[in-house]
Amino acid sequence: MKQPYLIVLFGATGDLARRKLLPGLMHLAQSGLVGDTRILGASMDDFDDEEFRSFTEQACREFGTRDIDEDDWRDFAGRLSYVNVTHGAAALAERAHELEAQLGEGVRRLHYLSVPPKAALDVVGQLAEADLVTDARIIMEKPFGTDLASAKALNAAIHEVFAEEQIFRIDHFLGKEAALNILAFRFANGLFEPIWNRTFIDHVQIDVPETLSVAGRAGFYEGTGAFKDMVVTHLFQILAFMAMEPPTALNSDAISIEKNKVFASMLPLTPESVVRGQYHGYRGEEGVAADSETETFVALKAEIDNWRWAGVPFYLRTGKKMAEGARIISIAFREPPKSMFPDGSGVGRSGPDHLTFDLADASRMSLSFYGKRPGPGMKLDKLSMQFAMQETGRQGDVLEAYERLILDAMLGERTLFTTAEGIERLWEVSQPLLDDPSPVRPYEPGTWGPNAVHQLIAPHSWRLPFERRWRGDQE
């Protein structure tokens, strides 16, 4: 991409910027994937340009995943400037126009709002006052609203300043290599697309347990909870990639249309189809109310009422302080209607055949199936075929999630971003649960959530924890 860009990073001294955004921007500059850029950090810290450069260097060296060449660092440092947002829109405009003058003609703007949701509209208003809306795109962090009414109000307020095609609502889960591999796997292979439906698939699981607590984020988490933090913004988006119809073209408009059709076909959630939990000790975290009913765990059954998926349950689970950290999608295929194999052969003992996507940074896929055990007789074992990104020799080509999404926004590529229509529909589907939430059940840290999750998925069982390890994993 040769077009010059001014990137204004709001919240430039925050934790997300330090851990992901600044190292990611440096890699994009190093890689040559973007043209000439200037990066204007904007925050409330009283930094000058040199202090911001020092802050950024420390962040890149501590959290960057690639070696930093001194020449590359000097080049990147020269692109960095800083403005204190408390100095107002005039100071922001002055610094922005100064940097745009360095870039010459044809400059586009990208505004990244790495700020708390309650501050987003203030930033939008400041951008309007500074006259930095023309030729601009804006990236907004989750959560996008907390219910249907707030999402509609937020969309309406932002649309007073930015057109919908300028707005990029970010979901870093969809920026991962494995998420895009779902599209490639489904629509590039004649082997799988014909069986991607209710006739052959029994159920689907999307499972994202986390071992982290909410320590340090309780102020945000108390007003949000696992459902709003993870399910609406992340897991439902992954569900749409899994369930959507083939798009008419591999472009963002066509894919957004098909994702929104999935959301339109989702049945409203009911409290009976949702299990909410809270880990023991959460109420003792700093900033958490002693009688808090905020869930740190949620599991649910979602249903898509269309011809492809009617009757196929989608089970979603996520939570804090769980036994393992993982990000998997698991598709369970229907078992044969009748077995010709004798009792004791082992068929069916390990459950149905599964296709599993690992959405972790080390992208992996596995297809499990029954095969004959070598030797006399007819004994069957569960076998698997596996693919791992590092086996291709192209691991170094992988962009981290935020890097990919920032680049896509600069290119105007909206495939991995959410539309206003889509997010409002998801809050509409969720409203019955928000109005009448299911009870919060306790669970012990280091477990897989409340026991009620097993009744939710019965007669099936959760794929995590895995009975068999991924190939190459160490015990």
Protein backbone atom coordinates (compact mmCIF):
# COMPACT_ATOMS: atom_id res chain seq x y z
CA MET A 1 0.00 0.00 0.00
CA LYS A 2 1.62 3.21 -1.17
CA GLN A 3 -0.91 5.74 0.13
CA PRO A 4 0.46 7.89 2.98
CA TYR A 5 -1.39 7.64 6.29
CA LEU A 6 -1.71 9.66 9.45
CA ILE A 7 -2.57 7.29 12.32
CA VAL A 8 -3.95 8.97 15.43
CA LEU A 9 -3.80 6.55 18.35
CA PHE A 10 -6.04 7.59 21.21
CA GLY A 11 -5.16 5.91 24.49
CA ALA A 12 -1.58 5.70 23.26
CA THR A 13 -0.12 5.16 26.73
CA GLY A 14 -2.66 2.55 27.81
CA ASP A 15 -2.12 -1.16 28.31
CA LEU A 16 -3.50 -2.29 24.93
CA ALA A 17 -1.35 0.22 23.08
CA ARG A 18 1.74 -0.82 25.04
CA ARG A 19 1.24 -4.56 24.60
CA LYS A 20 -0.22 -4.82 21.11
CA LEU A 21 -0.80 -1.64 19.12
CA LEU A 22 2.57 0.09 19.25
CA PRO A 23 4.58 -3.12 18.62
CA GLY A 24 2.11 -3.97 15.85
CA LEU A 25 2.44 -0.59 14.19
CA MET A 26 6.21 -0.93 14.28
CA HIS A 27 6.04 -4.31 12.57
CA LEU A 28 3.74 -2.95 9.86
CA ALA A 29 6.26 -0.14 9.24
CA GLN A 30 9.18 -2.61 9.23
CA SER A 31 7.47 -5.05 6.91
CA GLY A 32 6.86 -2.61 4.09
CA LEU A 33 3.15 -3.52 4.03
CA VAL A 34 2.19 0.12 4.52
CA GLY A 35 3.40 3.26 2.83
CA ASP A 36 4.74 6.39 4.48
CA THR A 37 3.05 6.92 7.83
CA ARG A 38 3.07 9.28 10.77
CA ILE A 39 1.74 8.09 14.14
CA LEU A 40 0.32 10.66 16.52
CA GLY A 41 -0.07 9.31 20.03
CA ALA A 42 -2.91 10.98 21.92
CA SER A 43 -3.47 10.49 25.62
CA MET A 44 -3.73 12.38 28.94
CA ASP A 45 -0.14 11.75 30.06
CA ASP A 46 2.04 14.83 30.06
CA PHE A 47 4.58 13.55 27.50
CA ASP A 48 6.53 15.37 24.84
CA ASP A 49 7.55 13.67 21.58
CA GLU A 50 10.80 12.27 22.97
CA GLU A 51 9.15 10.86 26.08
CA PHE A 52 6.52 9.15 23.92
CA ARG A 53 9.24 7.69 21.72
CA SER A 54 11.02 6.35 24.79
CA PHE A 55 7.73 4.86 26.04
CA THR A 56 7.13 3.24 22.66
CA GLU A 57 10.65 1.81 22.42
CA GLN A 58 10.28 0.16 25.80
CA ALA A 59 6.90 -1.25 24.79
CA CYS A 60 8.22 -2.64 21.51
CA ARG A 61 11.25 -4.23 23.13
CA GLU A 62 9.22 -5.76 25.97
CA PHE A 63 6.16 -6.95 24.06
CA GLY A 64 7.20 -7.14 20.42
CA THR A 65 7.50 -10.66 19.01
CA ARG A 66 10.25 -9.85 16.53
CA ASP A 67 13.83 -8.66 16.79
CA ILE A 68 14.29 -4.89 16.57
CA ASP A 69 17.04 -3.67 14.30
CA GLU A 70 18.51 -0.34 15.40
CA ASP A 71 18.11 1.22 11.94
CA ASP A 72 14.48 0.10 11.85
CA TRP A 73 13.89 1.59 15.29
CA ARG A 74 15.37 4.95 14.30
CA ASP A 75 13.18 4.98 11.21
CA PHE A 76 10.06 4.16 13.25
CA ALA A 77 10.91 6.63 16.03
CA GLY A 78 11.03 9.38 13.42
CA ARG A 79 7.39 8.67 12.59
CA LEU A 80 6.20 9.15 16.19
CA SER A 81 4.73 12.32 17.72
CA TYR A 82 2.52 13.02 20.72
CA VAL A 83 -0.27 15.34 21.80
CA ASN A 84 -1.97 15.65 25.18
CA VAL A 85 -5.73 15.37 24.55
CA THR A 86 -6.48 17.57 27.55
CA HIS A 87 -5.10 20.49 25.51
CA GLY A 88 -8.22 20.30 23.34
CA ALA A 89 -9.24 19.93 19.71
CA ALA A 90 -7.17 22.88 18.51
CA ALA A 91 -3.91 21.30 19.72
CA LEU A 92 -4.92 17.97 18.16
CA ALA A 93 -5.70 19.63 14.84
CA GLU A 94 -2.44 21.60 14.86
CA ARG A 95 -0.27 18.51 15.40
CA ALA A 96 -2.27 16.44 12.89
CA HIS A 97 -2.01 19.04 10.12
CA GLU A 98 1.70 19.47 10.83
CA LEU A 99 2.28 15.74 10.30
CA GLU A 100 0.05 15.60 7.22
CA ALA A 101 2.13 18.37 5.68
CA GLN A 102 5.19 16.14 6.07
CA LEU A 103 3.40 13.34 4.21
CA GLY A 104 2.41 15.44 1.21
CA GLU A 105 -0.61 14.98 -1.03
CA GLY A 106 -3.28 12.28 -0.80
CA VAL A 107 -3.04 11.60 2.93
CA ARG A 108 -5.69 9.39 4.55
CA ARG A 109 -6.41 9.30 8.27
CA LEU A 110 -6.91 6.36 10.59
CA HIS A 111 -8.13 7.05 14.12
CA TYR A 112 -7.76 4.18 16.59
CA LEU A 113 -9.88 4.61 19.74
CA SER A 114 -8.08 2.49 22.34
CA VAL A 115 -10.18 4.11 25.07
CA PRO A 116 -12.89 2.97 27.51
CA PRO A 117 -16.37 2.78 25.91
CA LYS A 118 -17.64 5.72 27.96
CA ALA A 119 -14.89 7.93 26.48
CA ALA A 120 -15.48 6.96 22.84
CA LEU A 121 -18.10 9.61 22.07
CA ASP A 122 -15.93 12.33 23.62
CA VAL A 123 -13.13 11.35 21.26
CA VAL A 124 -15.51 11.32 18.28
CA GLY A 125 -16.67 14.80 19.24
CA GLN A 126 -13.07 16.02 19.53
CA LEU A 127 -12.28 14.63 16.07
CA ALA A 128 -15.28 16.48 14.65
CA GLU A 129 -14.24 19.71 16.37
CA ALA A 130 -10.68 19.29 15.06
CA ASP A 131 -12.04 18.75 11.52
CA LEU A 132 -10.27 15.38 11.17
CA VAL A 133 -13.23 13.40 9.80
CA THR A 134 -12.74 13.85 6.06
CA ASP A 135 -10.79 11.02 4.39
CA ALA A 136 -10.72 9.23 7.74
CA ARG A 137 -11.49 5.76 9.04
CA ILE A 138 -12.10 5.04 12.70
CA ILE A 139 -11.42 1.83 14.64
CA MET A 140 -13.54 1.30 17.73
CA GLU A 141 -12.91 -1.20 20.52
CA LYS A 142 -15.52 -3.45 22.14
CA PRO A 143 -17.96 -3.58 23.80
CA PHE A 144 -20.15 -1.72 21.33
CA GLY A 145 -23.07 -0.95 23.59
CA THR A 146 -24.34 -2.97 26.53
CA ASP A 147 -27.82 -3.76 25.20
CA LEU A 148 -30.01 -3.03 22.18
CA ALA A 149 -30.99 0.47 23.26
CA SER A 150 -27.43 1.59 24.05
CA ALA A 151 -26.07 0.06 20.83
CA LYS A 152 -28.66 1.93 18.76
CA ALA A 153 -27.95 5.16 20.61
CA LEU A 154 -24.19 4.75 20.16
CA ASN A 155 -24.56 3.99 16.45
CA ALA A 156 -26.82 7.01 15.97
CA ALA A 157 -24.39 9.31 17.80
CA ILE A 158 -21.36 8.14 15.82
CA HIS A 159 -23.27 8.32 12.52
CA GLU A 160 -23.76 12.04 13.15
CA VAL A 161 -20.00 12.40 12.58
CA PHE A 162 -18.80 9.31 10.66
CA ALA A 163 -20.58 7.39 7.90
CA GLU A 164 -21.01 3.66 8.45
CA GLU A 165 -18.41 2.80 5.81
CA GLN A 166 -15.83 4.82 7.81
CA ILE A 167 -16.42 2.82 11.04
CA PHE A 168 -14.44 -0.35 11.83
CA ARG A 169 -15.64 -2.14 14.99
CA ILE A 170 -12.71 -4.33 15.92
CA ASP A 171 -12.79 -7.94 17.10
CA HIS A 172 -9.24 -9.24 17.53
CA PHE A 173 -10.47 -12.87 17.50
CA LEU A 174 -11.34 -12.50 13.81
CA GLY A 175 -7.88 -11.14 13.05
CA LYS A 176 -6.24 -14.45 13.78
CA GLU A 177 -4.93 -16.60 10.94
CA ALA A 178 -7.10 -19.53 12.01
CA ALA A 179 -10.32 -17.52 11.69
CA LEU A 180 -9.61 -16.77 8.04
CA ASN A 181 -8.64 -20.41 7.57
CA ILE A 182 -12.27 -21.30 8.32
CA LEU A 183 -13.31 -19.49 5.13
CA ALA A 184 -10.54 -21.15 3.12
CA PHE A 185 -11.33 -24.57 4.55
CA ARG A 186 -15.06 -24.31 3.90
CA PHE A 187 -15.25 -22.67 0.51
CA ALA A 188 -12.07 -23.83 -1.25
CA ASN A 189 -12.53 -27.56 -0.69
CA GLY A 190 -15.13 -29.72 -2.39
CA LEU A 191 -14.59 -32.33 0.30
CA PHE A 192 -16.16 -30.35 3.15
CA GLU A 193 -18.65 -27.76 1.88
CA PRO A 194 -21.20 -30.43 0.76
CA ILE A 195 -21.34 -31.86 4.30
CA TRP A 196 -21.39 -28.50 6.12
CA ASN A 197 -25.05 -28.73 7.15
CA ARG A 198 -27.62 -30.31 9.47
CA THR A 199 -27.61 -33.62 7.56
CA PHE A 200 -24.02 -34.41 8.49
CA ILE A 201 -23.18 -32.18 11.47
CA ASP A 202 -24.59 -33.07 14.88
CA HIS A 203 -23.48 -30.03 16.92
CA VAL A 204 -20.80 -27.34 17.12
CA GLN A 205 -18.77 -26.10 20.09
CA ILE A 206 -16.95 -22.78 20.41
CA ASP A 207 -14.92 -22.92 23.61
CA VAL A 208 -12.71 -20.08 24.90
CA PRO A 209 -11.71 -20.72 28.54
CA GLU A 210 -9.18 -18.39 30.16
CA THR A 211 -6.91 -18.95 33.16
CA LEU A 212 -6.63 -15.23 33.96
CA SER A 213 -8.63 -13.54 36.72
CA VAL A 214 -10.17 -10.08 36.38
CA ALA A 215 -7.54 -8.55 38.68
CA GLY A 216 -6.85 -4.99 37.57
CA ARG A 217 -9.91 -4.88 35.30
CA ALA A 218 -12.67 -5.18 37.92
CA GLY A 219 -13.87 -1.63 37.32
CA PHE A 220 -14.59 -2.49 33.69
CA TYR A 221 -15.67 -6.06 34.29
CA GLU A 222 -18.24 -5.36 37.03
CA GLY A 223 -20.41 -3.46 34.59
CA THR A 224 -19.88 -5.90 31.75
CA GLY A 225 -19.47 -9.57 32.67
CA ALA A 226 -18.44 -12.53 30.54
CA PHE A 227 -21.48 -12.47 28.27
CA LYS A 228 -21.14 -8.86 27.13
CA ASP A 229 -17.34 -8.96 27.18
CA MET A 230 -16.84 -12.15 25.18
CA VAL A 231 -19.96 -13.72 23.69
CA VAL A 232 -21.61 -10.81 21.87
CA THR A 233 -18.34 -9.33 20.68
CA HIS A 234 -16.25 -12.44 19.93
CA LEU A 235 -17.94 -15.82 20.03
CA PHE A 236 -21.02 -14.83 18.01
CA GLN A 237 -18.72 -13.45 15.31
CA ILE A 238 -16.86 -16.77 15.10
CA LEU A 239 -20.25 -18.54 14.96
CA ALA A 240 -21.18 -16.45 11.91
CA PHE A 241 -18.02 -17.49 10.05
CA MET A 242 -18.85 -21.11 10.82
CA ALA A 243 -22.50 -20.93 9.82
CA MET A 244 -22.80 -18.44 6.98
CA GLU A 245 -23.79 -19.32 3.42
CA PRO A 246 -21.22 -19.03 0.61
CA PRO A 247 -20.81 -15.32 -0.24
CA THR A 248 -21.26 -14.20 -3.83
CA ALA A 249 -17.68 -12.91 -3.80
CA LEU A 250 -14.69 -12.90 -1.48
CA ASN A 251 -15.10 -9.28 -0.48
CA SER A 252 -16.19 -7.49 2.66
CA ASP A 253 -19.66 -6.44 1.47
CA ALA A 254 -20.66 -9.92 0.34
CA ILE A 255 -19.31 -11.57 3.50
CA SER A 256 -21.02 -9.02 5.77
CA ILE A 257 -24.33 -9.75 4.05
CA GLU A 258 -24.00 -13.48 4.77
CA LYS A 259 -22.88 -12.94 8.37
CA ASN A 260 -25.86 -10.68 9.00
CA LYS A 261 -28.18 -13.36 7.56
CA VAL A 262 -26.87 -15.75 10.22
CA PHE A 263 -27.57 -13.19 12.95
CA ALA A 264 -31.05 -12.61 11.52
CA SER A 265 -31.72 -16.37 11.71
CA MET A 266 -30.59 -16.79 15.32
CA LEU A 267 -33.34 -17.54 17.79
CA PRO A 268 -33.51 -15.28 20.85
CA LEU A 269 -31.61 -16.63 23.84
CA THR A 270 -33.62 -17.88 26.79
CA PRO A 271 -32.44 -18.07 30.42
CA GLU A 272 -32.98 -21.85 30.32
CA SER A 273 -30.36 -22.18 27.57
CA VAL A 274 -27.68 -20.21 29.46
CA VAL A 275 -25.48 -21.13 32.43
CA ARG A 276 -23.83 -18.23 34.26
CA GLY A 277 -21.10 -18.69 36.85
CA GLN A 278 -18.77 -16.74 39.13
CA TYR A 279 -15.46 -18.05 40.43
CA HIS A 280 -14.92 -18.25 44.16
CA GLY A 281 -12.87 -15.23 45.19
CA TYR A 282 -14.23 -12.84 42.55
CA ARG A 283 -16.12 -10.81 45.15
CA GLY A 284 -12.84 -10.31 46.99
CA GLU A 285 -11.17 -8.65 43.99
CA GLU A 286 -10.50 -4.93 44.39
CA GLY A 287 -13.39 -2.91 42.97
CA VAL A 288 -15.94 -5.76 43.08
CA ALA A 289 -19.12 -5.41 45.13
CA ALA A 290 -19.49 -7.83 48.05
CA ASP A 291 -22.84 -9.01 46.68
CA SER A 292 -21.88 -8.89 42.98
CA GLU A 293 -23.98 -10.97 40.57
CA THR A 294 -21.63 -10.34 37.64
CA GLU A 295 -20.82 -13.56 35.81
CA THR A 296 -17.21 -14.49 35.15
CA PHE A 297 -18.33 -17.58 33.22
CA VAL A 298 -21.04 -18.21 30.66
CA ALA A 299 -22.07 -21.21 28.58
CA LEU A 300 -25.06 -21.24 26.27
CA LYS A 301 -26.87 -23.04 23.50
CA ALA A 302 -27.53 -20.96 20.40
CA GLU A 303 -29.80 -22.04 17.54
CA ILE A 304 -29.91 -20.89 13.94
CA ASP A 305 -33.36 -21.28 12.43
CA ASN A 306 -32.63 -21.72 8.75
CA TRP A 307 -32.57 -24.62 6.27
CA ARG A 308 -28.85 -25.34 6.70
CA TRP A 309 -28.74 -25.42 10.51
CA ALA A 310 -32.24 -26.04 11.89
CA GLY A 311 -31.94 -28.48 14.82
CA VAL A 312 -28.14 -28.19 15.13
CA PRO A 313 -27.17 -26.69 18.52
CA PHE A 314 -24.18 -24.36 18.79
CA TYR A 315 -22.65 -24.56 22.27
CA LEU A 316 -20.54 -21.59 23.38
CA ARG A 317 -18.46 -21.41 26.57
CA THR A 318 -16.03 -18.91 28.04
CA GLY A 319 -14.88 -17.92 31.51
CA LYS A 320 -12.14 -16.62 33.77
CA LYS A 321 -9.94 -18.63 36.17
CA MET A 322 -10.60 -21.91 34.37
CA ALA A 323 -8.48 -25.04 34.16
CA GLU A 324 -6.78 -24.19 30.84
CA GLY A 325 -6.55 -21.36 28.38
CA ALA A 326 -7.71 -22.35 24.89
CA ARG A 327 -9.60 -21.13 21.83
CA ILE A 328 -11.16 -23.94 19.86
CA ILE A 329 -14.00 -24.60 17.45
CA SER A 330 -15.10 -28.22 17.32
CA ILE A 331 -17.56 -29.65 14.77
CA ALA A 332 -19.05 -33.01 15.74
CA PHE A 333 -20.26 -35.09 12.80
CA ARG A 334 -23.25 -37.39 13.03
CA GLU A 335 -22.45 -41.01 13.76
CA PRO A 336 -23.51 -43.78 11.36
CA PRO A 337 -27.14 -44.79 11.93
CA LYS A 338 -26.19 -48.43 12.47
CA SER A 339 -22.90 -50.15 13.32
CA MET A 340 -21.85 -53.43 11.73
CA PHE A 341 -18.90 -53.73 14.12
CA PRO A 342 -19.14 -56.19 17.02
CA ASP A 343 -19.34 -55.23 20.68
CA GLY A 344 -15.91 -54.49 22.06
CA SER A 345 -14.52 -53.30 18.73
CA GLY A 346 -14.09 -49.78 20.10
CA VAL A 347 -16.33 -48.03 17.58
CA GLY A 348 -18.17 -45.14 19.20
CA ARG A 349 -16.17 -45.43 22.41
CA SER A 350 -14.43 -42.08 21.88
CA GLY A 351 -17.48 -40.23 20.62
CA PRO A 352 -18.20 -38.92 17.12
CA ASP A 353 -15.71 -37.79 14.51
CA HIS A 354 -14.62 -34.18 15.06
CA LEU A 355 -13.11 -31.41 12.99
CA THR A 356 -11.29 -29.04 15.34
CA PHE A 357 -9.87 -25.57 14.70
CA ASP A 358 -7.42 -24.15 17.23
CA LEU A 359 -7.71 -20.36 17.17
CA ALA A 360 -4.55 -19.83 19.21
CA ASP A 361 -1.68 -17.94 17.59
CA ALA A 362 -0.10 -21.26 16.54
CA SER A 363 -2.91 -22.05 14.08
CA ARG A 364 -3.83 -25.75 14.00
CA MET A 365 -6.57 -28.03 12.66
CA SER A 366 -7.38 -31.66 13.40
CA LEU A 367 -9.77 -34.20 11.86
CA SER A 368 -10.43 -37.23 14.07
CA PHE A 369 -11.85 -40.54 12.83
CA TYR A 370 -11.93 -44.25 13.64
CA GLY A 371 -9.39 -46.57 12.05
CA LYS A 372 -8.43 -50.21 12.48
CA ARG A 373 -5.81 -51.07 15.06
CA PRO A 374 -2.93 -53.07 13.48
CA GLY A 375 -3.03 -56.79 14.26
CA PRO A 376 -5.55 -59.62 14.27
CA GLY A 377 -9.27 -59.03 14.75
CA MET A 378 -11.26 -55.85 14.25
CA LYS A 379 -10.30 -53.39 16.97
CA LEU A 380 -10.74 -49.68 16.26
CA ASP A 381 -8.88 -46.69 17.66
CA LYS A 382 -9.53 -42.96 17.34
CA LEU A 383 -6.95 -41.50 14.95
CA SER A 384 -6.41 -37.99 13.65
CA MET A 385 -4.96 -36.00 10.78
CA GLN A 386 -3.48 -32.70 11.90
CA PHE A 387 -2.16 -29.52 10.36
CA ALA A 388 -0.05 -26.90 12.14
CA MET A 389 1.02 -23.57 10.68
CA GLN A 390 4.63 -24.03 11.76
CA GLU A 391 4.85 -27.15 9.57
CA THR A 392 4.46 -25.06 6.41
CA GLY A 393 7.61 -23.01 6.85
CA ARG A 394 5.47 -19.86 6.58
CA GLN A 395 5.06 -19.16 10.29
CA GLY A 396 7.09 -15.96 9.91
CA ASP A 397 4.52 -14.59 7.46
CA VAL A 398 1.72 -14.60 10.03
CA LEU A 399 0.48 -11.20 11.11
CA GLU A 400 -0.70 -10.86 14.67
CA ALA A 401 -4.41 -10.14 15.04
CA TYR A 402 -4.17 -6.41 15.68
CA GLU A 403 -1.60 -5.97 12.91
CA ARG A 404 -3.90 -7.63 10.38
CA LEU A 405 -6.93 -5.62 11.49
CA ILE A 406 -5.12 -2.27 11.44
CA LEU A 407 -3.83 -3.06 7.94
CA ASP A 408 -7.30 -4.11 6.78
CA ALA A 409 -8.81 -0.87 8.09
CA MET A 410 -6.16 1.14 6.24
CA LEU A 411 -7.03 -0.78 3.08
CA GLY A 412 -10.77 -0.32 3.65
CA GLU A 413 -11.23 -4.10 3.88
CA ARG A 414 -14.24 -4.72 6.17
CA THR A 415 -14.49 -8.55 6.10
CA LEU A 416 -13.28 -8.98 9.69
CA PHE A 417 -15.27 -6.09 11.16
CA THR A 418 -18.83 -5.84 12.45
CA THR A 419 -21.59 -3.70 10.96
CA ALA A 420 -24.12 -1.58 12.87
CA GLU A 421 -26.89 -3.87 11.60
CA GLY A 422 -25.08 -6.97 12.84
CA ILE A 423 -24.27 -5.69 16.31
CA GLU A 424 -27.79 -4.37 16.86
CA ARG A 425 -29.27 -7.73 15.85
CA LEU A 426 -27.00 -9.56 18.30
CA TRP A 427 -28.17 -7.33 21.15
CA GLU A 428 -31.76 -7.97 20.05
CA VAL A 429 -31.17 -11.74 20.24
CA SER A 430 -29.56 -11.28 23.66
CA GLN A 431 -32.23 -9.02 25.14
CA PRO A 432 -34.36 -11.80 26.73
CA LEU A 433 -31.31 -12.96 28.70
CA LEU A 434 -30.43 -9.40 29.73
CA ASP A 435 -34.01 -8.80 30.88
CA ASP A 436 -34.24 -12.07 32.83
CA PRO A 437 -30.72 -13.40 33.52
CA SER A 438 -30.24 -16.97 34.69
CA PRO A 439 -28.85 -17.37 38.23
CA VAL A 440 -25.12 -17.04 38.87
CA ARG A 441 -23.63 -20.34 40.07
CA PRO A 442 -20.31 -20.58 41.93
CA TYR A 443 -17.35 -22.54 40.57
CA GLU A 444 -13.88 -23.22 41.87
CA PRO A 445 -10.88 -21.56 40.17
CA GLY A 446 -8.97 -24.04 38.02
CA THR A 447 -12.08 -26.00 36.98
CA TRP A 448 -14.26 -26.04 33.87
CA GLY A 449 -17.13 -24.00 35.30
CA PRO A 450 -20.30 -24.86 37.22
CA ASN A 451 -21.56 -28.45 37.03
CA ALA A 452 -24.69 -27.25 35.23
CA VAL A 453 -22.69 -26.96 31.99
CA HIS A 454 -22.86 -30.75 31.65
CA GLN A 455 -26.66 -30.72 31.78
CA LEU A 456 -26.69 -27.91 29.22
CA ILE A 457 -24.81 -29.94 26.61
CA ALA A 458 -26.24 -33.41 27.44
CA PRO A 459 -26.40 -35.95 25.86
CA HIS A 460 -23.18 -34.63 24.31
CA SER A 461 -20.02 -33.74 26.21
CA TRP A 462 -17.58 -30.86 26.06
CA ARG A 463 -14.48 -31.40 23.95
CA LEU A 464 -12.29 -29.59 26.48
CA PRO A 465 -10.35 -30.88 28.25
CA PHE A 466 -9.03 -32.94 25.33
CA GLU A 467 -8.56 -36.66 25.95
CA ARG A 468 -5.71 -36.71 23.43
CA ARG A 469 -3.00 -34.08 23.04
CA TRP A 470 -2.21 -32.19 19.87
CA ARG A 471 0.68 -33.74 18.00
CA GLY A 472 3.94 -32.25 19.24
CA ASP A 473 2.49 -30.97 22.53
CA GLN A 474 4.53 -31.79 25.58
CA GLU A 475 2.88 -33.23 28.69
